[in-house]
Amino acid sequence: MIKLRLKRFGKKKEASFRIVACNSTSRRDGRPLQELGFYNPRTKETRLDTEALRTRLIQGAQPTNVVRTLLEKGGLLEKTERPSIAIGKAKLEKEKLAKAKTKDEENDSTKAESESNEAES
């Protein structure tokens, strides 16, 4: 499978990245099949070879998450809603609180039943 991913280059602690098409089993900085663009995270500069990227996407190449966001910003892909980790954590917290509330309500109802049974005796 062909992946569209970032290949790191540049000085130590001053990384820049090339957007490349490569085999999914190859190393991050290994020899790519084709170089398709450039991304500098410090200056936010992005250059994309739109024709080559469209060709690779039509052929079935799968972009990584970071490359997907770069392509969305460049207008080559439609923006898609992807679940966020933070949203997932917030959802889990809400579920835990809801479970705790139901347990408290069950405990309250069982206590009320036992008290009413004792009062009848």
PDB file of N, CA and C in Angstrom:
ATOM      1  N   MET A   1       0.840  -1.173   0.000  1.00  0.00           N
ATOM      2  CA  MET A   1       0.000   0.000   0.000  1.00  0.00           C
ATOM      3  C   MET A   1       0.891   1.244   0.000  1.00  0.00           C
ATOM      4  N   ILE A   2       0.496   2.222  -0.764  1.00  0.00           N
ATOM      5  CA  ILE A   2       1.251   3.474  -0.843  1.00  0.00           C
ATOM      6  C   ILE A   2       0.696   4.459   0.178  1.00  0.00           C
ATOM      7  N   LYS A   3       1.603   5.062   0.935  1.00  0.00           N
ATOM      8  CA  LYS A   3       1.231   6.051   1.945  1.00  0.00           C
ATOM      9  C   LYS A   3       1.788   7.409   1.543  1.00  0.00           C
ATOM     10  N   LEU A   4       1.030   8.453   1.850  1.00  0.00           N
ATOM     11  CA  LEU A   4       1.527   9.822   1.716  1.00  0.00           C
ATOM     12  C   LEU A   4       1.923  10.250   3.116  1.00  0.00           C
ATOM     13  N   ARG A   5       3.203  10.483   3.327  1.00  0.00           N
ATOM     14  CA  ARG A   5       3.684  10.798   4.662  1.00  0.00           C
ATOM     15  C   ARG A   5       4.754  11.869   4.623  1.00  0.00           C
ATOM     16  N   LEU A   6       5.208  12.276   5.805  1.00  0.00           N
ATOM     17  CA  LEU A   6       6.241  13.299   5.917  1.00  0.00           C
ATOM     18  C   LEU A   6       7.603  12.640   6.077  1.00  0.00           C
ATOM     19  N   LYS A   7       8.591  13.169   5.354  1.00  0.00           N
ATOM     20  CA  LYS A   7       9.974  12.720   5.458  1.00  0.00           C
ATOM     21  C   LYS A   7      10.767  13.860   6.072  1.00  0.00           C
ATOM     22  N   ARG A   8      11.430  13.607   7.191  1.00  0.00           N
ATOM     23  CA  ARG A   8      12.133  14.649   7.931  1.00  0.00           C
ATOM     24  C   ARG A   8      13.491  14.929   7.298  1.00  0.00           C
ATOM     25  N   PHE A   9      13.838  16.211   7.250  1.00  0.00           N
ATOM     26  CA  PHE A   9      15.182  16.612   6.853  1.00  0.00           C
ATOM     27  C   PHE A   9      15.480  17.954   7.483  1.00  0.00           C
ATOM     28  N   GLY A  10      16.707  18.420   7.369  1.00  0.00           N
ATOM     29  CA  GLY A  10      17.090  19.699   7.960  1.00  0.00           C
ATOM     30  C   GLY A  10      18.041  19.502   9.124  1.00  0.00           C
ATOM     31  N   LYS A  11      18.380  20.624   9.767  1.00  0.00           N
ATOM     32  CA  LYS A  11      19.308  20.581  10.893  1.00  0.00           C
ATOM     33  C   LYS A  11      18.659  19.970  12.122  1.00  0.00           C
ATOM     34  N   LYS A  12      19.515  19.658  13.080  1.00  0.00           N
ATOM     35  CA  LYS A  12      19.034  19.167  14.362  1.00  0.00           C
ATOM     36  C   LYS A  12      18.202  20.251  15.034  1.00  0.00           C
ATOM     37  N   LYS A  13      17.040  19.902  15.507  1.00  0.00           N
ATOM     38  CA  LYS A  13      16.089  20.802  16.169  1.00  0.00           C
ATOM     39  C   LYS A  13      15.536  21.893  15.254  1.00  0.00           C
ATOM     40  N   GLU A  14      15.788  21.805  13.972  1.00  0.00           N
ATOM     41  CA  GLU A  14      15.212  22.730  12.988  1.00  0.00           C
ATOM     42  C   GLU A  14      14.663  21.897  11.828  1.00  0.00           C
ATOM     43  N   ALA A  15      13.735  21.059  12.136  1.00  0.00           N
ATOM     44  CA  ALA A  15      13.228  20.104  11.156  1.00  0.00           C
ATOM     45  C   ALA A  15      12.344  20.770  10.114  1.00  0.00           C
ATOM     46  N   SER A  16      12.454  20.262   8.913  1.00  0.00           N
ATOM     47  CA  SER A  16      11.528  20.553   7.831  1.00  0.00           C
ATOM     48  C   SER A  16      11.100  19.200   7.291  1.00  0.00           C
ATOM     49  N   PHE A  17      10.031  19.189   6.550  1.00  0.00           N
ATOM     50  CA  PHE A  17       9.510  17.915   6.072  1.00  0.00           C
ATOM     51  C   PHE A  17       9.182  17.987   4.596  1.00  0.00           C
ATOM     52  N   ARG A  18       9.393  16.873   3.918  1.00  0.00           N
ATOM     53  CA  ARG A  18       8.951  16.713   2.545  1.00  0.00           C
ATOM     54  C   ARG A  18       7.747  15.783   2.567  1.00  0.00           C
ATOM     55  N   ILE A  19       6.760  16.112   1.786  1.00  0.00           N
ATOM     56  CA  ILE A  19       5.602  15.231   1.639  1.00  0.00           C
ATOM     57  C   ILE A  19       5.943  14.260   0.518  1.00  0.00           C
ATOM     58  N   VAL A  20       5.953  12.969   0.853  1.00  0.00           N
ATOM     59  CA  VAL A  20       6.400  11.965  -0.103  1.00  0.00           C
ATOM     60  C   VAL A  20       5.389  10.831  -0.207  1.00  0.00           C
ATOM     61  N   ALA A  21       5.431  10.149  -1.333  1.00  0.00           N
ATOM     62  CA  ALA A  21       4.682   8.911  -1.523  1.00  0.00           C
ATOM     63  C   ALA A  21       5.678   7.775  -1.383  1.00  0.00           C
ATOM     64  N   CYS A  22       5.393   6.853  -0.479  1.00  0.00           N
ATOM     65  CA  CYS A  22       6.308   5.731  -0.294  1.00  0.00           C
ATOM     66  C   CYS A  22       5.523   4.488   0.096  1.00  0.00           C
ATOM     67  N   ASN A  23       6.201   3.373   0.036  1.00  0.00           N
ATOM     68  CA  ASN A  23       5.600   2.115   0.424  1.00  0.00           C
ATOM     69  C   ASN A  23       5.338   2.137   1.924  1.00  0.00           C
ATOM     70  N   SER A  24       4.247   1.565   2.382  1.00  0.00           N
ATOM     71  CA  SER A  24       3.879   1.657   3.799  1.00  0.00           C
ATOM     72  C   SER A  24       4.873   0.942   4.709  1.00  0.00           C
ATOM     73  N   THR A  25       5.636  -0.007   4.171  1.00  0.00           N
ATOM     74  CA  THR A  25       6.587  -0.747   4.995  1.00  0.00           C
ATOM     75  C   THR A  25       7.974  -0.122   5.007  1.00  0.00           C
ATOM     76  N   SER A  26       8.198   0.927   4.224  1.00  0.00           N
ATOM     77  CA  SER A  26       9.528   1.536   4.175  1.00  0.00           C
ATOM     78  C   SER A  26       9.755   2.457   5.366  1.00  0.00           C
ATOM     79  N   ARG A  27      11.016   2.782   5.623  1.00  0.00           N
ATOM     80  CA  ARG A  27      11.384   3.632   6.755  1.00  0.00           C
ATOM     81  C   ARG A  27      10.924   5.059   6.529  1.00  0.00           C
ATOM     82  N   ARG A  28      10.837   5.825   7.624  1.00  0.00           N
ATOM     83  CA  ARG A  28      10.364   7.208   7.543  1.00  0.00           C
ATOM     84  C   ARG A  28      11.239   8.033   6.604  1.00  0.00           C
ATOM     85  N   ASP A  29      12.547   7.902   6.714  1.00  0.00           N
ATOM     86  CA  ASP A  29      13.458   8.695   5.893  1.00  0.00           C
ATOM     87  C   ASP A  29      14.066   7.885   4.755  1.00  0.00           C
ATOM     88  N   GLY A  30      13.452   6.774   4.421  1.00  0.00           N
ATOM     89  CA  GLY A  30      13.949   5.949   3.330  1.00  0.00           C
ATOM     90  C   GLY A  30      13.674   6.593   1.977  1.00  0.00           C
ATOM     91  N   ARG A  31      14.098   5.912   0.939  1.00  0.00           N
ATOM     92  CA  ARG A  31      13.923   6.452  -0.411  1.00  0.00           C
ATOM     93  C   ARG A  31      12.446   6.422  -0.805  1.00  0.00           C
ATOM     94  N   PRO A  32      11.894   7.576  -1.152  1.00  0.00           N
ATOM     95  CA  PRO A  32      10.472   7.613  -1.511  1.00  0.00           C
ATOM     96  C   PRO A  32      10.248   7.247  -2.975  1.00  0.00           C
ATOM     97  N   LEU A  33       9.015   6.940  -3.301  1.00  0.00           N
ATOM     98  CA  LEU A  33       8.640   6.714  -4.693  1.00  0.00           C
ATOM     99  C   LEU A  33       8.594   8.044  -5.445  1.00  0.00           C
ATOM    100  N   GLN A  34       8.104   9.089  -4.749  1.00  0.00           N
ATOM    101  CA  GLN A  34       7.951  10.397  -5.385  1.00  0.00           C
ATOM    102  C   GLN A  34       7.846  11.466  -4.305  1.00  0.00           C
ATOM    103  N   GLU A  35       8.476  12.625  -4.546  1.00  0.00           N
ATOM    104  CA  GLU A  35       8.334  13.763  -3.645  1.00  0.00           C
ATOM    105  C   GLU A  35       7.196  14.637  -4.158  1.00  0.00           C
ATOM    106  N   LEU A  36       6.270  14.979  -3.253  1.00  0.00           N
ATOM    107  CA  LEU A  36       5.045  15.647  -3.667  1.00  0.00           C
ATOM    108  C   LEU A  36       4.868  17.034  -3.085  1.00  0.00           C
ATOM    109  N   GLY A  37       5.731  17.420  -2.171  1.00  0.00           N
ATOM    110  CA  GLY A  37       5.563  18.737  -1.569  1.00  0.00           C
ATOM    111  C   GLY A  37       6.543  18.973  -0.450  1.00  0.00           C
ATOM    112  N   PHE A  38       6.326  20.074   0.258  1.00  0.00           N
ATOM    113  CA  PHE A  38       7.239  20.533   1.295  1.00  0.00           C
ATOM    114  C   PHE A  38       6.428  21.173   2.412  1.00  0.00           C
ATOM    115  N   TYR A  39       6.872  20.986   3.670  1.00  0.00           N
ATOM    116  CA  TYR A  39       6.200  21.605   4.815  1.00  0.00           C
ATOM    117  C   TYR A  39       7.240  22.016   5.849  1.00  0.00           C
ATOM    118  N   ASN A  40       7.221  23.306   6.229  1.00  0.00           N
ATOM    119  CA  ASN A  40       8.094  23.813   7.282  1.00  0.00           C
ATOM    120  C   ASN A  40       7.206  24.239   8.450  1.00  0.00           C
ATOM    121  N   PRO A  41       7.228  23.494   9.564  1.00  0.00           N
ATOM    122  CA  PRO A  41       6.335  23.820  10.680  1.00  0.00           C
ATOM    123  C   PRO A  41       6.687  25.113  11.395  1.00  0.00           C
ATOM    124  N   ARG A  42       7.930  25.578  11.281  1.00  0.00           N
ATOM    125  CA  ARG A  42       8.317  26.823  11.965  1.00  0.00           C
ATOM    126  C   ARG A  42       7.719  28.045  11.281  1.00  0.00           C
ATOM    127  N   THR A  43       7.799  28.082   9.967  1.00  0.00           N
ATOM    128  CA  THR A  43       7.277  29.234   9.222  1.00  0.00           C
ATOM    129  C   THR A  43       5.882  28.964   8.660  1.00  0.00           C
ATOM    130  N   LYS A  44       5.381  27.750   8.861  1.00  0.00           N
ATOM    131  CA  LYS A  44       4.070  27.324   8.347  1.00  0.00           C
ATOM    132  C   LYS A  44       4.007  27.368   6.820  1.00  0.00           C
ATOM    133  N   GLU A  45       5.165  27.297   6.183  1.00  0.00           N
ATOM    134  CA  GLU A  45       5.223  27.309   4.718  1.00  0.00           C
ATOM    135  C   GLU A  45       4.878  25.918   4.191  1.00  0.00           C
ATOM    136  N   THR A  46       4.013  25.883   3.201  1.00  0.00           N
ATOM    137  CA  THR A  46       3.616  24.621   2.588  1.00  0.00           C
ATOM    138  C   THR A  46       3.595  24.793   1.079  1.00  0.00           C
ATOM    139  N   ARG A  47       4.259  23.882   0.381  1.00  0.00           N
ATOM    140  CA  ARG A  47       4.211  23.852  -1.075  1.00  0.00           C
ATOM    141  C   ARG A  47       3.746  22.467  -1.490  1.00  0.00           C
ATOM    142  N   LEU A  48       2.734  22.410  -2.335  1.00  0.00           N
ATOM    143  CA  LEU A  48       2.180  21.134  -2.762  1.00  0.00           C
ATOM    144  C   LEU A  48       2.200  21.022  -4.279  1.00  0.00           C
ATOM    145  N   ASP A  49       2.599  19.857  -4.780  1.00  0.00           N
ATOM    146  CA  ASP A  49       2.509  19.555  -6.207  1.00  0.00           C
ATOM    147  C   ASP A  49       1.118  18.948  -6.427  1.00  0.00           C
ATOM    148  N   THR A  50       0.156  19.816  -6.732  1.00  0.00           N
ATOM    149  CA  THR A  50      -1.248  19.401  -6.740  1.00  0.00           C
ATOM    150  C   THR A  50      -1.548  18.312  -7.775  1.00  0.00           C
ATOM    151  N   GLU A  51      -0.946  18.410  -8.949  1.00  0.00           N
ATOM    152  CA  GLU A  51      -1.208  17.408  -9.991  1.00  0.00           C
ATOM    153  C   GLU A  51      -0.735  16.032  -9.542  1.00  0.00           C
ATOM    154  N   ALA A  52       0.481  15.963  -9.024  1.00  0.00           N
ATOM    155  CA  ALA A  52       1.029  14.677  -8.589  1.00  0.00           C
ATOM    156  C   ALA A  52       0.253  14.129  -7.393  1.00  0.00           C
ATOM    157  N   LEU A  53      -0.156  15.010  -6.487  1.00  0.00           N
ATOM    158  CA  LEU A  53      -0.935  14.568  -5.325  1.00  0.00           C
ATOM    159  C   LEU A  53      -2.291  14.013  -5.750  1.00  0.00           C
ATOM    160  N   ARG A  54      -2.953  14.690  -6.674  1.00  0.00           N
ATOM    161  CA  ARG A  54      -4.248  14.193  -7.170  1.00  0.00           C
ATOM    162  C   ARG A  54      -4.085  12.817  -7.814  1.00  0.00           C
ATOM    163  N   THR A  55      -3.013  12.669  -8.592  1.00  0.00           N
ATOM    164  CA  THR A  55      -2.754  11.393  -9.257  1.00  0.00           C
ATOM    165  C   THR A  55      -2.577  10.282  -8.230  1.00  0.00           C
ATOM    166  N   ARG A  56      -1.779  10.549  -7.196  1.00  0.00           N
ATOM    167  CA  ARG A  56      -1.534   9.538  -6.157  1.00  0.00           C
ATOM    168  C   ARG A  56      -2.807   9.211  -5.379  1.00  0.00           C
ATOM    169  N   LEU A  57      -3.611  10.224  -5.088  1.00  0.00           N
ATOM    170  CA  LEU A  57      -4.853   9.982  -4.358  1.00  0.00           C
ATOM    171  C   LEU A  57      -5.828   9.153  -5.192  1.00  0.00           C
ATOM    172  N   ILE A  58      -5.886   9.426  -6.498  1.00  0.00           N
ATOM    173  CA  ILE A  58      -6.750   8.652  -7.391  1.00  0.00           C
ATOM    174  C   ILE A  58      -6.275   7.202  -7.450  1.00  0.00           C
ATOM    175  N   GLN A  59      -4.957   6.991  -7.401  1.00  0.00           N
ATOM    176  CA  GLN A  59      -4.400   5.642  -7.432  1.00  0.00           C
ATOM    177  C   GLN A  59      -4.663   4.877  -6.134  1.00  0.00           C
ATOM    178  N   GLY A  60      -5.091   5.588  -5.083  1.00  0.00           N
ATOM    179  CA  GLY A  60      -5.434   4.900  -3.836  1.00  0.00           C
ATOM    180  C   GLY A  60      -4.445   5.092  -2.708  1.00  0.00           C
ATOM    181  N   ALA A  61      -3.550   6.061  -2.829  1.00  0.00           N
ATOM    182  CA  ALA A  61      -2.592   6.316  -1.751  1.00  0.00           C
ATOM    183  C   ALA A  61      -3.327   6.852  -0.527  1.00  0.00           C
ATOM    184  N   GLN A  62      -2.929   6.393   0.652  1.00  0.00           N
ATOM    185  CA  GLN A  62      -3.570   6.785   1.906  1.00  0.00           C
ATOM    186  C   GLN A  62      -2.705   7.806   2.640  1.00  0.00           C
ATOM    187  N   PRO A  63      -3.199   9.024   2.866  1.00  0.00           N
ATOM    188  CA  PRO A  63      -2.410  10.017   3.602  1.00  0.00           C
ATOM    189  C   PRO A  63      -2.452   9.750   5.102  1.00  0.00           C
ATOM    190  N   THR A  64      -1.360  10.086   5.787  1.00  0.00           N
ATOM    191  CA  THR A  64      -1.346  10.014   7.244  1.00  0.00           C
ATOM    192  C   THR A  64      -2.166  11.182   7.779  1.00  0.00           C
ATOM    193  N   ASN A  65      -2.408  11.204   9.086  1.00  0.00           N
ATOM    194  CA  ASN A  65      -3.260  12.243   9.673  1.00  0.00           C
ATOM    195  C   ASN A  65      -2.711  13.645   9.434  1.00  0.00           C
ATOM    196  N   VAL A  66      -1.399  13.831   9.616  1.00  0.00           N
ATOM    197  CA  VAL A  66      -0.806  15.160   9.444  1.00  0.00           C
ATOM    198  C   VAL A  66      -0.869  15.585   7.981  1.00  0.00           C
ATOM    199  N   VAL A  67      -0.557  14.673   7.086  1.00  0.00           N
ATOM    200  CA  VAL A  67      -0.610  14.991   5.656  1.00  0.00           C
ATOM    201  C   VAL A  67      -2.052  15.273   5.246  1.00  0.00           C
ATOM    202  N   ARG A  68      -3.001  14.539   5.820  1.00  0.00           N
ATOM    203  CA  ARG A  68      -4.414  14.780   5.505  1.00  0.00           C
ATOM    204  C   ARG A  68      -4.809  16.210   5.874  1.00  0.00           C
ATOM    205  N   THR A  69      -4.383  16.693   7.047  1.00  0.00           N
ATOM    206  CA  THR A  69      -4.726  18.067   7.437  1.00  0.00           C
ATOM    207  C   THR A  69      -4.060  19.076   6.512  1.00  0.00           C
ATOM    208  N   LEU A  70      -2.829  18.802   6.079  1.00  0.00           N
ATOM    209  CA  LEU A  70      -2.157  19.706   5.140  1.00  0.00           C
ATOM    210  C   LEU A  70      -2.890  19.739   3.798  1.00  0.00           C
ATOM    211  N   LEU A  71      -3.357  18.587   3.344  1.00  0.00           N
ATOM    212  CA  LEU A  71      -4.088  18.530   2.076  1.00  0.00           C
ATOM    213  C   LEU A  71      -5.447  19.217   2.193  1.00  0.00           C
ATOM    214  N   GLU A  72      -6.077  19.107   3.363  1.00  0.00           N
ATOM    215  CA  GLU A  72      -7.349  19.806   3.580  1.00  0.00           C
ATOM    216  C   GLU A  72      -7.144  21.312   3.551  1.00  0.00           C
ATOM    217  N   LYS A  73      -6.058  21.785   4.165  1.00  0.00           N
ATOM    218  CA  LYS A  73      -5.765  23.222   4.150  1.00  0.00           C
ATOM    219  C   LYS A  73      -5.423  23.698   2.748  1.00  0.00           C
ATOM    220  N   GLY A  74      -4.788  22.818   1.960  1.00  0.00           N
ATOM    221  CA  GLY A  74      -4.438  23.156   0.589  1.00  0.00           C
ATOM    222  C   GLY A  74      -5.598  23.040  -0.377  1.00  0.00           C
ATOM    223  N   GLY A  75      -6.719  22.502   0.073  1.00  0.00           N
ATOM    224  CA  GLY A  75      -7.900  22.403  -0.770  1.00  0.00           C
ATOM    225  C   GLY A  75      -7.957  21.163  -1.641  1.00  0.00           C
ATOM    226  N   LEU A  76      -7.092  20.188  -1.399  1.00  0.00           N
ATOM    227  CA  LEU A  76      -7.108  18.974  -2.210  1.00  0.00           C
ATOM    228  C   LEU A  76      -8.083  17.928  -1.678  1.00  0.00           C
ATOM    229  N   LEU A  77      -8.377  17.978  -0.401  1.00  0.00           N
ATOM    230  CA  LEU A  77      -9.331  17.052   0.203  1.00  0.00           C
ATOM    231  C   LEU A  77     -10.415  17.842   0.911  1.00  0.00           C
ATOM    232  N   GLU A  78     -11.595  17.242   0.996  1.00  0.00           N
ATOM    233  CA  GLU A  78     -12.667  17.868   1.765  1.00  0.00           C
ATOM    234  C   GLU A  78     -12.397  17.642   3.243  1.00  0.00           C
ATOM    235  N   LYS A  79     -12.762  18.620   4.046  1.00  0.00           N
ATOM    236  CA  LYS A  79     -12.558  18.482   5.484  1.00  0.00           C
ATOM    237  C   LYS A  79     -13.513  17.432   6.026  1.00  0.00           C
ATOM    238  N   THR A  80     -12.959  16.538   6.838  1.00  0.00           N
ATOM    239  CA  THR A  80     -13.763  15.491   7.449  1.00  0.00           C
ATOM    240  C   THR A  80     -13.705  15.637   8.962  1.00  0.00           C
ATOM    241  N   GLU A  81     -14.802  15.284   9.613  1.00  0.00           N
ATOM    242  CA  GLU A  81     -14.847  15.316  11.073  1.00  0.00           C
ATOM    243  C   GLU A  81     -14.181  14.051  11.590  1.00  0.00           C
ATOM    244  N   ARG A  82     -13.100  14.227  12.323  1.00  0.00           N
ATOM    245  CA  ARG A  82     -12.423  13.094  12.933  1.00  0.00           C
ATOM    246  C   ARG A  82     -12.558  13.211  14.442  1.00  0.00           C
ATOM    247  N   PRO A  83     -12.831  12.109  15.122  1.00  0.00           N
ATOM    248  CA  PRO A  83     -12.992  12.192  16.574  1.00  0.00           C
ATOM    249  C   PRO A  83     -11.687  12.589  17.241  1.00  0.00           C
ATOM    250  N   SER A  84     -11.802  13.445  18.209  1.00  0.00           N
ATOM    251  CA  SER A  84     -10.643  13.920  18.943  1.00  0.00           C
ATOM    252  C   SER A  84     -10.460  13.097  20.206  1.00  0.00           C
ATOM    253  N   ILE A  85      -9.233  12.978  20.651  1.00  0.00           N
ATOM    254  CA  ILE A  85      -8.954  12.261  21.892  1.00  0.00           C
ATOM    255  C   ILE A  85      -9.590  13.005  23.057  1.00  0.00           C
ATOM    256  N   ALA A  86      -9.519  14.318  23.039  1.00  0.00           N
ATOM    257  CA  ALA A  86     -10.089  15.114  24.122  1.00  0.00           C
ATOM    258  C   ALA A  86     -11.597  14.919  24.203  1.00  0.00           C
ATOM    259  N   ILE A  87     -12.245  14.845  23.059  1.00  0.00           N
ATOM    260  CA  ILE A  87     -13.689  14.627  23.042  1.00  0.00           C
ATOM    261  C   ILE A  87     -14.003  13.246  23.613  1.00  0.00           C
ATOM    262  N   GLY A  88     -13.203  12.258  23.257  1.00  0.00           N
ATOM    263  CA  GLY A  88     -13.404  10.910  23.773  1.00  0.00           C
ATOM    264  C   GLY A  88     -13.248  10.853  25.282  1.00  0.00           C
ATOM    265  N   LYS A  89     -12.245  11.564  25.816  1.00  0.00           N
ATOM    266  CA  LYS A  89     -12.032  11.582  27.261  1.00  0.00           C
ATOM    267  C   LYS A  89     -13.191  12.275  27.963  1.00  0.00           C
ATOM    268  N   ALA A  90     -13.669  13.366  27.402  1.00  0.00           N
ATOM    269  CA  ALA A  90     -14.792  14.089  28.005  1.00  0.00           C
ATOM    270  C   ALA A  90     -16.039  13.207  28.016  1.00  0.00           C
ATOM    271  N   LYS A  91     -16.235  12.456  26.952  1.00  0.00           N
ATOM    272  CA  LYS A  91     -17.385  11.565  26.867  1.00  0.00           C
ATOM    273  C   LYS A  91     -17.301  10.480  27.942  1.00  0.00           C
ATOM    274  N   LEU A  92     -16.093   9.930  28.151  1.00  0.00           N
ATOM    275  CA  LEU A  92     -15.911   8.909  29.178  1.00  0.00           C
ATOM    276  C   LEU A  92     -16.207   9.463  30.565  1.00  0.00           C
ATOM    277  N   GLU A  93     -15.764  10.688  30.825  1.00  0.00           N
ATOM    278  CA  GLU A  93     -16.026  11.312  32.125  1.00  0.00           C
ATOM    279  C   GLU A  93     -17.528  11.475  32.356  1.00  0.00           C
ATOM    280  N   LYS A  94     -18.247  11.914  31.324  1.00  0.00           N
ATOM    281  CA  LYS A  94     -19.699  12.069  31.446  1.00  0.00           C
ATOM    282  C   LYS A  94     -20.368  10.727  31.735  1.00  0.00           C
ATOM    283  N   GLU A  95     -19.905   9.668  31.055  1.00  0.00           N
ATOM    284  CA  GLU A  95     -20.481   8.344  31.274  1.00  0.00           C
ATOM    285  C   GLU A  95     -20.212   7.857  32.693  1.00  0.00           C
ATOM    286  N   LYS A  96     -18.998   8.114  33.208  1.00  0.00           N
ATOM    287  CA  LYS A  96     -18.669   7.717  34.578  1.00  0.00           C
ATOM    288  C   LYS A  96     -19.558   8.439  35.573  1.00  0.00           C
ATOM    289  N   LEU A  97     -19.758   9.742  35.362  1.00  0.00           N
ATOM    290  CA  LEU A  97     -20.627  10.508  36.257  1.00  0.00           C
ATOM    291  C   LEU A  97     -22.065   9.996  36.203  1.00  0.00           C
ATOM    292  N   ALA A  98     -22.532   9.666  35.015  1.00  0.00           N
ATOM    293  CA  ALA A  98     -23.896   9.157  34.867  1.00  0.00           C
ATOM    294  C   ALA A  98     -24.051   7.817  35.587  1.00  0.00           C
ATOM    295  N   LYS A  99     -23.048   6.936  35.474  1.00  0.00           N
ATOM    296  CA  LYS A  99     -23.098   5.648  36.163  1.00  0.00           C
ATOM    297  C   LYS A  99     -23.093   5.844  37.671  1.00  0.00           C
ATOM    298  N   ALA A 100     -22.263   6.772  38.142  1.00  0.00           N
ATOM    299  CA  ALA A 100     -22.197   7.041  39.582  1.00  0.00           C
ATOM    300  C   ALA A 100     -23.542   7.560  40.090  1.00  0.00           C
ATOM    301  N   LYS A 101     -24.188   8.425  39.328  1.00  0.00           N
ATOM    302  CA  LYS A 101     -25.498   8.953  39.732  1.00  0.00           C
ATOM    303  C   LYS A 101     -26.539   7.847  39.801  1.00  0.00           C
ATOM    304  N   THR A 102     -26.544   6.952  38.821  1.00  0.00           N
ATOM    305  CA  THR A 102     -27.528   5.864  38.827  1.00  0.00           C
ATOM    306  C   THR A 102     -27.286   4.923  40.000  1.00  0.00           C
ATOM    307  N   LYS A 103     -26.022   4.669  40.337  1.00  0.00           N
ATOM    308  CA  LYS A 103     -25.720   3.824  41.495  1.00  0.00           C
ATOM    309  C   LYS A 103     -26.203   4.485  42.777  1.00  0.00           C
ATOM    310  N   ASP A 104     -25.973   5.800  42.902  1.00  0.00           N
ATOM    311  CA  ASP A 104     -26.433   6.530  44.080  1.00  0.00           C
ATOM    312  C   ASP A 104     -27.953   6.474  44.189  1.00  0.00           C
ATOM    313  N   GLU A 105     -28.634   6.642  43.068  1.00  0.00           N
ATOM    314  CA  GLU A 105     -30.096   6.591  43.073  1.00  0.00           C
ATOM    315  C   GLU A 105     -30.598   5.207  43.468  1.00  0.00           C
ATOM    316  N   GLU A 106     -29.917   4.155  42.976  1.00  0.00           N
ATOM    317  CA  GLU A 106     -30.303   2.790  43.332  1.00  0.00           C
ATOM    318  C   GLU A 106     -30.098   2.554  44.823  1.00  0.00           C
ATOM    319  N   ASN A 107     -28.971   3.034  45.351  1.00  0.00           N
ATOM    320  CA  ASN A 107     -28.695   2.877  46.777  1.00  0.00           C
ATOM    321  C   ASN A 107     -29.736   3.614  47.610  1.00  0.00           C
ATOM    322  N   ASP A 108     -30.104   4.813  47.197  1.00  0.00           N
ATOM    323  CA  ASP A 108     -31.113   5.593  47.913  1.00  0.00           C
ATOM    324  C   ASP A 108     -32.464   4.873  47.906  1.00  0.00           C
ATOM    325  N   SER A 109     -32.829   4.309  46.757  1.00  0.00           N
ATOM    326  CA  SER A 109     -34.129   3.635  46.659  1.00  0.00           C
ATOM    327  C   SER A 109     -34.142   2.360  47.496  1.00  0.00           C
ATOM    328  N   THR A 110     -33.039   1.615  47.533  1.00  0.00           N
ATOM    329  CA  THR A 110     -32.997   0.394  48.355  1.00  0.00           C
ATOM    330  C   THR A 110     -33.026   0.737  49.837  1.00  0.00           C
ATOM    331  N   LYS A 111     -32.375   1.831  50.226  1.00  0.00           N
ATOM    332  CA  LYS A 111     -32.410   2.272  51.622  1.00  0.00           C
ATOM    333  C   LYS A 111     -33.828   2.681  52.014  1.00  0.00           C
ATOM    334  N   ALA A 112     -34.504   3.381  51.136  1.00  0.00           N
ATOM    335  CA  ALA A 112     -35.878   3.819  51.412  1.00  0.00           C
ATOM    336  C   ALA A 112     -36.801   2.614  51.558  1.00  0.00           C
ATOM    337  N   GLU A 113     -36.612   1.597  50.714  1.00  0.00           N
ATOM    338  CA  GLU A 113     -37.426   0.390  50.799  1.00  0.00           C
ATOM    339  C   GLU A 113     -37.177  -0.348  52.107  1.00  0.00           C
ATOM    340  N   SER A 114     -35.906  -0.461  52.491  1.00  0.00           N
ATOM    341  CA  SER A 114     -35.587  -1.169  53.737  1.00  0.00           C
ATOM    342  C   SER A 114     -36.123  -0.408  54.948  1.00  0.00           C
ATOM    343  N   GLU A 115     -36.092   0.919  54.927  1.00  0.00           N
ATOM    344  CA  GLU A 115     -36.621   1.725  56.024  1.00  0.00           C
ATOM    345  C   GLU A 115     -38.139   1.576  56.118  1.00  0.00           C
ATOM    346  N   SER A 116     -38.800   1.537  54.978  1.00  0.00           N
ATOM    347  CA  SER A 116     -40.261   1.383  54.995  1.00  0.00           C
ATOM    348  C   SER A 116     -40.648  -0.006  55.491  1.00  0.00           C
ATOM    349  N   ASN A 117     -39.862  -1.025  55.150  1.00  0.00           N
ATOM    350  CA  ASN A 117     -40.119  -2.383  55.633  1.00  0.00           C
ATOM    351  C   ASN A 117     -39.929  -2.464  57.142  1.00  0.00           C
ATOM    352  N   GLU A 118     -38.923  -1.772  57.677  1.00  0.00           N
ATOM    353  CA  GLU A 118     -38.668  -1.761  59.117  1.00  0.00           C
ATOM    354  C   GLU A 118     -39.781  -1.024  59.850  1.00  0.00           C
ATOM    355  N   ALA A 119     -40.270   0.038  59.258  1.00  0.00           N
ATOM    356  CA  ALA A 119     -41.338   0.817  59.885  1.00  0.00           C
ATOM    357  C   ALA A 119     -42.634   0.005  59.956  1.00  0.00           C
ATOM    358  N   GLU A 120     -42.893  -0.839  58.975  1.00  0.00           N
ATOM    359  CA  GLU A 120     -44.092  -1.663  58.960  1.00  0.00           C
ATOM    360  C   GLU A 120     -44.031  -2.746  60.025  1.00  0.00           C
ATOM    361  N   SER A 121     -42.853  -3.232  60.336  1.00  0.00           N
ATOM    362  CA  SER A 121     -42.719  -4.332  61.293  1.00  0.00           C
ATOM    363  C   SER A 121     -43.043  -3.965  62.686  1.00  0.00           C
TER     364      SER A 121
END
